[in-house]
Amino acid sequence: MSRLDFDECIDGDLIDFNITDDQYRSLAESGLIRLMNDFFDICIDEFEDERILGVDNLAQARLLIENHFYPSENEAVDILLTQVNKATEYETGVFFYF
């Protein structure tokens, strides 16, 4: 986490995933981004950087996704849930850079 703060990540530090513009739009249109923004008092949006850190917050994010949006036919929701689960496993965080 400290290497990420100083932009000094090495191979294997990050599990990153790029989504397409269409996938981003589908997340926004689904209401998931708005729900997460409201719940965590953050601003996931284009041209914004945000993060959800800590096992407790990640557990809450997983519950939001699973209770409101999963199972889903929306590939972007599935990708986000996978990232939240990995971040929980490694006790790190999910970072949003659009």
N, C-alpha and C. Protein backbone atom coordinates (compact mmCIF):
# COMPACT_ATOMS: atom_id res chain seq x y z
N MET A 1 0.83 -1.19 0.00
CA MET A 1 0.00 0.00 0.00
C MET A 1 0.88 1.26 0.00
N SER A 2 1.98 1.23 0.72
CA SER A 2 2.83 2.42 0.75
C SER A 2 3.47 2.66 -0.61
N ARG A 3 3.81 1.60 -1.34
CA ARG A 3 4.39 1.80 -2.68
C ARG A 3 3.37 2.44 -3.61
N LEU A 4 2.11 2.08 -3.46
CA LEU A 4 1.06 2.68 -4.28
C LEU A 4 0.95 4.17 -3.98
N ASP A 5 1.02 4.53 -2.71
CA ASP A 5 0.93 5.95 -2.33
C ASP A 5 2.02 6.79 -2.98
N PHE A 6 3.19 6.18 -3.20
CA PHE A 6 4.31 6.92 -3.76
C PHE A 6 4.59 6.56 -5.22
N ASP A 7 3.62 5.91 -5.87
CA ASP A 7 3.74 5.52 -7.27
C ASP A 7 5.03 4.73 -7.52
N GLU A 8 5.31 3.77 -6.63
CA GLU A 8 6.51 2.96 -6.73
C GLU A 8 6.18 1.47 -6.76
N CYS A 9 5.03 1.12 -7.32
CA CYS A 9 4.61 -0.28 -7.36
C CYS A 9 5.57 -1.12 -8.20
N ILE A 10 5.72 -2.35 -7.80
CA ILE A 10 6.53 -3.30 -8.55
C ILE A 10 5.61 -4.38 -9.11
N ASP A 11 6.10 -5.14 -10.07
CA ASP A 11 5.29 -6.20 -10.67
C ASP A 11 4.72 -7.10 -9.59
N GLY A 12 3.42 -7.36 -9.68
CA GLY A 12 2.76 -8.21 -8.72
C GLY A 12 2.08 -7.48 -7.59
N ASP A 13 2.34 -6.18 -7.43
CA ASP A 13 1.70 -5.41 -6.37
C ASP A 13 0.21 -5.21 -6.62
N LEU A 14 -0.14 -4.99 -7.87
CA LEU A 14 -1.51 -4.61 -8.20
C LEU A 14 -2.21 -5.69 -9.01
N ILE A 15 -3.49 -5.83 -8.75
CA ILE A 15 -4.37 -6.61 -9.62
C ILE A 15 -5.27 -5.57 -10.26
N ASP A 16 -4.87 -5.13 -11.43
CA ASP A 16 -5.64 -4.05 -12.05
C ASP A 16 -6.47 -4.59 -13.19
N PHE A 17 -7.54 -3.88 -13.43
CA PHE A 17 -8.44 -4.27 -14.50
C PHE A 17 -8.96 -3.01 -15.16
N ASN A 18 -8.83 -2.96 -16.46
CA ASN A 18 -9.36 -1.83 -17.22
C ASN A 18 -10.73 -2.20 -17.75
N ILE A 19 -11.68 -1.29 -17.56
CA ILE A 19 -13.00 -1.51 -18.13
C ILE A 19 -13.19 -0.54 -19.29
N THR A 20 -14.07 -0.91 -20.18
CA THR A 20 -14.34 -0.09 -21.35
C THR A 20 -15.26 1.07 -20.96
N ASP A 21 -15.38 2.02 -21.85
CA ASP A 21 -16.32 3.12 -21.62
C ASP A 21 -17.74 2.59 -21.48
N ASP A 22 -18.09 1.59 -22.28
CA ASP A 22 -19.43 1.01 -22.20
C ASP A 22 -19.65 0.33 -20.84
N GLN A 23 -18.63 -0.35 -20.33
CA GLN A 23 -18.75 -0.99 -19.03
C GLN A 23 -18.90 0.05 -17.92
N TYR A 24 -18.14 1.14 -18.03
CA TYR A 24 -18.28 2.22 -17.05
C TYR A 24 -19.70 2.79 -17.09
N ARG A 25 -20.20 3.04 -18.29
CA ARG A 25 -21.56 3.56 -18.43
C ARG A 25 -22.59 2.61 -17.83
N SER A 26 -22.38 1.31 -18.04
CA SER A 26 -23.34 0.34 -17.50
C SER A 26 -23.31 0.34 -15.97
N LEU A 27 -22.13 0.53 -15.38
CA LEU A 27 -22.06 0.64 -13.92
C LEU A 27 -22.81 1.89 -13.45
N ALA A 28 -22.59 2.99 -14.13
CA ALA A 28 -23.26 4.24 -13.76
C ALA A 28 -24.77 4.11 -13.92
N GLU A 29 -25.20 3.56 -15.04
CA GLU A 29 -26.63 3.43 -15.30
C GLU A 29 -27.31 2.44 -14.36
N SER A 30 -26.56 1.48 -13.86
CA SER A 30 -27.15 0.49 -12.94
C SER A 30 -27.48 1.11 -11.59
N GLY A 31 -26.83 2.21 -11.25
CA GLY A 31 -27.02 2.85 -9.95
C GLY A 31 -26.00 2.41 -8.92
N LEU A 32 -25.13 1.47 -9.27
CA LEU A 32 -24.15 0.96 -8.32
C LEU A 32 -23.16 2.04 -7.89
N ILE A 33 -22.68 2.81 -8.83
CA ILE A 33 -21.71 3.86 -8.49
C ILE A 33 -22.36 4.88 -7.55
N ARG A 34 -23.56 5.29 -7.83
CA ARG A 34 -24.26 6.26 -6.98
C ARG A 34 -24.45 5.68 -5.57
N LEU A 35 -24.85 4.41 -5.50
CA LEU A 35 -25.05 3.77 -4.21
C LEU A 35 -23.76 3.73 -3.40
N MET A 36 -22.65 3.36 -4.06
CA MET A 36 -21.37 3.30 -3.36
C MET A 36 -20.92 4.70 -2.94
N ASN A 37 -21.09 5.67 -3.82
CA ASN A 37 -20.74 7.05 -3.47
C ASN A 37 -21.51 7.51 -2.24
N ASP A 38 -22.80 7.27 -2.22
CA ASP A 38 -23.63 7.70 -1.09
C ASP A 38 -23.26 6.95 0.18
N PHE A 39 -23.09 5.64 0.08
CA PHE A 39 -22.83 4.83 1.26
C PHE A 39 -21.48 5.17 1.89
N PHE A 40 -20.45 5.32 1.05
CA PHE A 40 -19.10 5.55 1.56
C PHE A 40 -18.72 7.03 1.61
N ASP A 41 -19.63 7.90 1.18
CA ASP A 41 -19.37 9.35 1.12
C ASP A 41 -18.09 9.63 0.33
N ILE A 42 -18.07 9.07 -0.89
CA ILE A 42 -16.95 9.26 -1.81
C ILE A 42 -17.49 9.76 -3.14
N CYS A 43 -16.62 9.94 -4.12
CA CYS A 43 -17.05 10.43 -5.43
C CYS A 43 -16.36 9.64 -6.54
N ILE A 44 -16.87 8.41 -6.78
CA ILE A 44 -16.40 7.64 -7.92
C ILE A 44 -17.03 8.29 -9.15
N ASP A 45 -16.21 8.80 -10.04
CA ASP A 45 -16.72 9.51 -11.20
C ASP A 45 -15.57 9.65 -12.20
N GLU A 46 -15.92 10.08 -13.39
CA GLU A 46 -14.89 10.34 -14.39
C GLU A 46 -13.99 11.47 -13.88
N PHE A 47 -12.71 11.35 -14.15
CA PHE A 47 -11.70 12.34 -13.79
C PHE A 47 -11.53 12.48 -12.27
N GLU A 48 -11.97 11.48 -11.51
CA GLU A 48 -11.81 11.46 -10.06
C GLU A 48 -11.07 10.19 -9.68
N ASP A 49 -10.30 10.24 -8.62
CA ASP A 49 -9.65 9.07 -8.05
C ASP A 49 -10.31 8.79 -6.71
N GLU A 50 -10.69 7.56 -6.48
CA GLU A 50 -11.31 7.19 -5.22
C GLU A 50 -10.81 5.83 -4.79
N ARG A 51 -11.10 5.49 -3.55
CA ARG A 51 -10.68 4.20 -3.00
C ARG A 51 -11.63 3.75 -1.92
N ILE A 52 -11.71 2.46 -1.77
CA ILE A 52 -12.40 1.85 -0.64
C ILE A 52 -11.36 0.97 0.04
N LEU A 53 -11.05 1.30 1.28
CA LEU A 53 -9.96 0.63 2.01
C LEU A 53 -10.48 -0.06 3.26
N GLY A 54 -9.78 -1.09 3.66
CA GLY A 54 -10.07 -1.76 4.92
C GLY A 54 -11.06 -2.88 4.76
N VAL A 55 -10.84 -3.92 5.53
CA VAL A 55 -11.66 -5.13 5.43
C VAL A 55 -13.13 -4.84 5.72
N ASP A 56 -13.41 -4.00 6.71
CA ASP A 56 -14.80 -3.69 7.04
C ASP A 56 -15.51 -2.98 5.90
N ASN A 57 -14.86 -1.98 5.31
CA ASN A 57 -15.46 -1.26 4.19
C ASN A 57 -15.60 -2.16 2.96
N LEU A 58 -14.61 -3.00 2.74
CA LEU A 58 -14.70 -3.92 1.61
C LEU A 58 -15.84 -4.92 1.81
N ALA A 59 -16.04 -5.36 3.04
CA ALA A 59 -17.17 -6.26 3.32
C ALA A 59 -18.49 -5.55 3.05
N GLN A 60 -18.57 -4.28 3.42
CA GLN A 60 -19.78 -3.50 3.13
C GLN A 60 -19.99 -3.34 1.63
N ALA A 61 -18.91 -3.09 0.90
CA ALA A 61 -19.01 -2.97 -0.56
C ALA A 61 -19.51 -4.27 -1.17
N ARG A 62 -18.97 -5.39 -0.70
CA ARG A 62 -19.41 -6.69 -1.21
C ARG A 62 -20.90 -6.90 -0.93
N LEU A 63 -21.34 -6.55 0.28
CA LEU A 63 -22.76 -6.70 0.60
C LEU A 63 -23.65 -5.81 -0.28
N LEU A 64 -23.20 -4.58 -0.52
CA LEU A 64 -23.98 -3.70 -1.41
C LEU A 64 -24.14 -4.32 -2.79
N ILE A 65 -23.04 -4.83 -3.31
CA ILE A 65 -23.09 -5.43 -4.65
C ILE A 65 -23.95 -6.68 -4.65
N GLU A 66 -23.71 -7.57 -3.70
CA GLU A 66 -24.43 -8.84 -3.68
C GLU A 66 -25.92 -8.66 -3.39
N ASN A 67 -26.26 -7.72 -2.51
CA ASN A 67 -27.66 -7.53 -2.15
C ASN A 67 -28.48 -6.77 -3.19
N HIS A 68 -27.82 -5.93 -3.97
CA HIS A 68 -28.56 -5.07 -4.90
C HIS A 68 -28.31 -5.38 -6.37
N PHE A 69 -27.19 -6.01 -6.70
CA PHE A 69 -26.81 -6.10 -8.10
C PHE A 69 -26.33 -7.48 -8.54
N TYR A 70 -26.37 -8.47 -7.64
CA TYR A 70 -25.79 -9.76 -7.99
C TYR A 70 -26.76 -10.87 -7.63
N PRO A 71 -26.99 -11.91 -8.38
CA PRO A 71 -26.29 -12.17 -9.64
C PRO A 71 -26.70 -11.17 -10.70
N SER A 72 -25.80 -10.94 -11.60
CA SER A 72 -26.01 -9.89 -12.59
C SER A 72 -25.59 -10.38 -13.96
N GLU A 73 -26.23 -9.82 -14.95
CA GLU A 73 -25.79 -10.04 -16.32
C GLU A 73 -24.86 -8.92 -16.76
N ASN A 74 -24.51 -8.07 -15.84
CA ASN A 74 -23.65 -6.92 -16.11
C ASN A 74 -22.20 -7.32 -15.82
N GLU A 75 -21.39 -7.44 -16.86
CA GLU A 75 -20.01 -7.87 -16.71
C GLU A 75 -19.21 -6.94 -15.80
N ALA A 76 -19.48 -5.65 -15.86
CA ALA A 76 -18.74 -4.69 -15.05
C ALA A 76 -19.03 -4.90 -13.55
N VAL A 77 -20.25 -5.25 -13.20
CA VAL A 77 -20.58 -5.55 -11.81
C VAL A 77 -19.80 -6.77 -11.35
N ASP A 78 -19.73 -7.79 -12.20
CA ASP A 78 -18.98 -9.00 -11.88
C ASP A 78 -17.49 -8.68 -11.67
N ILE A 79 -16.94 -7.83 -12.52
CA ILE A 79 -15.53 -7.44 -12.41
C ILE A 79 -15.29 -6.72 -11.09
N LEU A 80 -16.16 -5.79 -10.76
CA LEU A 80 -16.01 -5.03 -9.51
C LEU A 80 -16.10 -5.96 -8.30
N LEU A 81 -17.05 -6.88 -8.32
CA LEU A 81 -17.18 -7.82 -7.20
C LEU A 81 -15.93 -8.68 -7.06
N THR A 82 -15.36 -9.11 -8.17
CA THR A 82 -14.11 -9.89 -8.13
C THR A 82 -12.99 -9.07 -7.51
N GLN A 83 -12.89 -7.80 -7.89
CA GLN A 83 -11.84 -6.93 -7.35
C GLN A 83 -12.04 -6.70 -5.84
N VAL A 84 -13.28 -6.52 -5.42
CA VAL A 84 -13.57 -6.34 -3.99
C VAL A 84 -13.19 -7.61 -3.22
N ASN A 85 -13.51 -8.77 -3.78
CA ASN A 85 -13.16 -10.02 -3.11
C ASN A 85 -11.65 -10.20 -3.01
N LYS A 86 -10.92 -9.87 -4.05
CA LYS A 86 -9.45 -9.97 -4.02
C LYS A 86 -8.87 -8.98 -2.99
N ALA A 87 -9.38 -7.77 -2.98
CA ALA A 87 -8.89 -6.78 -2.02
C ALA A 87 -9.16 -7.23 -0.59
N THR A 88 -10.29 -7.85 -0.37
CA THR A 88 -10.61 -8.38 0.96
C THR A 88 -9.63 -9.49 1.33
N GLU A 89 -9.38 -10.39 0.38
CA GLU A 89 -8.45 -11.49 0.62
C GLU A 89 -7.06 -10.99 1.00
N TYR A 90 -6.60 -9.94 0.32
CA TYR A 90 -5.26 -9.41 0.57
C TYR A 90 -5.23 -8.27 1.58
N GLU A 91 -6.42 -7.93 2.12
CA GLU A 91 -6.55 -6.86 3.12
C GLU A 91 -5.95 -5.54 2.63
N THR A 92 -6.34 -5.17 1.42
CA THR A 92 -5.85 -3.93 0.82
C THR A 92 -7.02 -3.01 0.52
N GLY A 93 -7.26 -2.71 -0.73
CA GLY A 93 -8.33 -1.81 -1.10
C GLY A 93 -8.65 -1.90 -2.58
N VAL A 94 -9.73 -1.26 -2.95
CA VAL A 94 -10.14 -1.12 -4.35
C VAL A 94 -9.98 0.34 -4.70
N PHE A 95 -9.31 0.59 -5.80
CA PHE A 95 -9.01 1.96 -6.24
C PHE A 95 -9.67 2.20 -7.58
N PHE A 96 -10.27 3.36 -7.72
CA PHE A 96 -11.00 3.72 -8.94
C PHE A 96 -10.29 4.89 -9.60
N TYR A 97 -9.83 4.68 -10.82
CA TYR A 97 -9.20 5.73 -11.61
C TYR A 97 -9.87 5.75 -12.98
N PHE A 98 -10.72 6.75 -13.22
CA PHE A 98 -11.42 6.85 -14.50
C PHE A 98 -10.97 8.11 -15.21
